Amino acid sequence: MAKLLFAVALMAAVWWFLKSARRPRIALSEAEARDVLGVAAGADADAIRAAHRRLVSAVHPDRGGSADLTRRINAARDVLLRRIR
């Protein structure tokens, strides 16, 4: 039983690694991230999150939008929130 659990855990780890390796990382500068989200240079975390929510709700793949654009918007949010922390 232990061998079976180990084999399943190993297969899950390999699957997760391969799945995450296929997705290209998006590198944005702060200026590009601000342009994507449409926020000012001094925007606080609440303004960044509000802009992110507004944009993602419009371009999410579940609503007929683009997965690439959603990834770019998420990356912009991450860059700007990392700057604040």
Protein backbone atom coordinates (compact mmCIF):
# COMPACT_ATOMS: atom_id res chain seq x y z
CA MET A 1 0.00 0.00 0.00
CA ALA A 2 2.85 2.38 0.84
CA LYS A 3 4.46 1.72 -2.54
CA LEU A 4 1.20 2.53 -4.31
CA LEU A 5 0.80 5.81 -2.42
CA PHE A 6 4.40 6.72 -3.17
CA ALA A 7 3.90 5.96 -6.87
CA VAL A 8 0.73 8.07 -7.04
CA ALA A 9 2.42 10.98 -5.23
CA LEU A 10 5.40 10.76 -7.57
CA MET A 11 3.18 10.75 -10.67
CA ALA A 12 1.24 13.75 -9.34
CA ALA A 13 4.48 15.66 -8.72
CA VAL A 14 5.77 14.91 -12.20
CA TRP A 15 2.43 15.91 -13.77
CA TRP A 16 2.39 19.21 -11.84
CA PHE A 17 5.99 19.97 -12.84
CA LEU A 18 5.36 19.29 -16.51
CA LYS A 19 2.13 21.28 -16.50
CA SER A 20 3.77 24.33 -14.92
CA ALA A 21 6.84 24.10 -17.16
CA ARG A 22 4.73 24.48 -20.32
CA ARG A 23 3.30 27.84 -19.29
CA PRO A 24 5.60 30.69 -20.31
CA ARG A 25 6.44 33.23 -17.65
CA ILE A 26 5.50 36.81 -18.40
CA ALA A 27 8.08 39.41 -17.39
CA LEU A 28 6.75 42.94 -17.10
CA SER A 29 8.39 46.11 -15.88
CA GLU A 30 6.50 48.31 -13.43
CA ALA A 31 5.67 50.80 -16.17
CA GLU A 32 4.27 48.05 -18.42
CA ALA A 33 2.27 46.64 -15.52
CA ARG A 34 0.77 50.06 -14.76
CA ASP A 35 -0.13 50.46 -18.43
CA VAL A 36 -1.79 47.06 -18.57
CA LEU A 37 -3.91 47.73 -15.49
CA GLY A 38 -4.39 51.42 -16.20
CA VAL A 39 -3.37 52.62 -12.73
CA ALA A 40 -1.25 55.59 -11.67
CA ALA A 41 2.30 55.29 -10.36
CA GLY A 42 1.22 55.86 -6.77
CA ALA A 43 -1.71 53.44 -6.80
CA ASP A 44 -2.31 51.55 -3.57
CA ALA A 45 -3.10 47.84 -3.26
CA ASP A 46 -6.87 48.41 -3.27
CA ALA A 47 -6.73 50.37 -6.54
CA ILE A 48 -4.54 47.70 -8.13
CA ARG A 49 -6.89 44.91 -7.05
CA ALA A 50 -9.95 46.85 -8.25
CA ALA A 51 -8.40 47.46 -11.68
CA HIS A 52 -7.40 43.79 -11.88
CA ARG A 53 -10.93 42.62 -11.02
CA ARG A 54 -12.47 45.01 -13.55
CA LEU A 55 -10.21 43.87 -16.38
CA VAL A 56 -10.28 40.15 -15.64
CA SER A 57 -14.06 40.13 -15.46
CA ALA A 58 -14.10 41.52 -19.02
CA VAL A 59 -11.45 39.28 -20.64
CA HIS A 60 -11.66 35.99 -18.70
CA PRO A 61 -11.65 32.87 -20.90
CA ASP A 62 -14.92 31.71 -19.33
CA ARG A 63 -16.55 34.80 -20.82
CA GLY A 64 -15.10 34.31 -24.28
CA GLY A 65 -11.88 36.23 -23.62
CA SER A 66 -8.25 35.35 -24.06
CA ALA A 67 -6.22 33.17 -21.68
CA ASP A 68 -3.03 34.99 -22.72
CA LEU A 69 -4.50 38.38 -21.90
CA THR A 70 -5.74 37.08 -18.56
CA ARG A 71 -2.22 35.82 -17.77
CA ARG A 72 -0.77 39.21 -18.69
CA ILE A 73 -3.25 41.01 -16.42
CA ASN A 74 -2.46 38.60 -13.56
CA ALA A 75 1.27 39.15 -14.08
CA ALA A 76 0.78 42.93 -14.00
CA ARG A 77 -1.12 42.64 -10.72
CA ASP A 78 1.61 40.47 -9.22
CA VAL A 79 4.39 42.89 -10.27
CA LEU A 80 2.65 45.91 -8.77
CA LEU A 81 1.58 44.19 -5.56
CA ARG A 82 5.12 42.84 -5.07
CA ARG A 83 6.38 46.44 -5.34
CA ILE A 84 4.08 47.53 -2.52
CA ARG A 85 5.07 44.76 -0.10
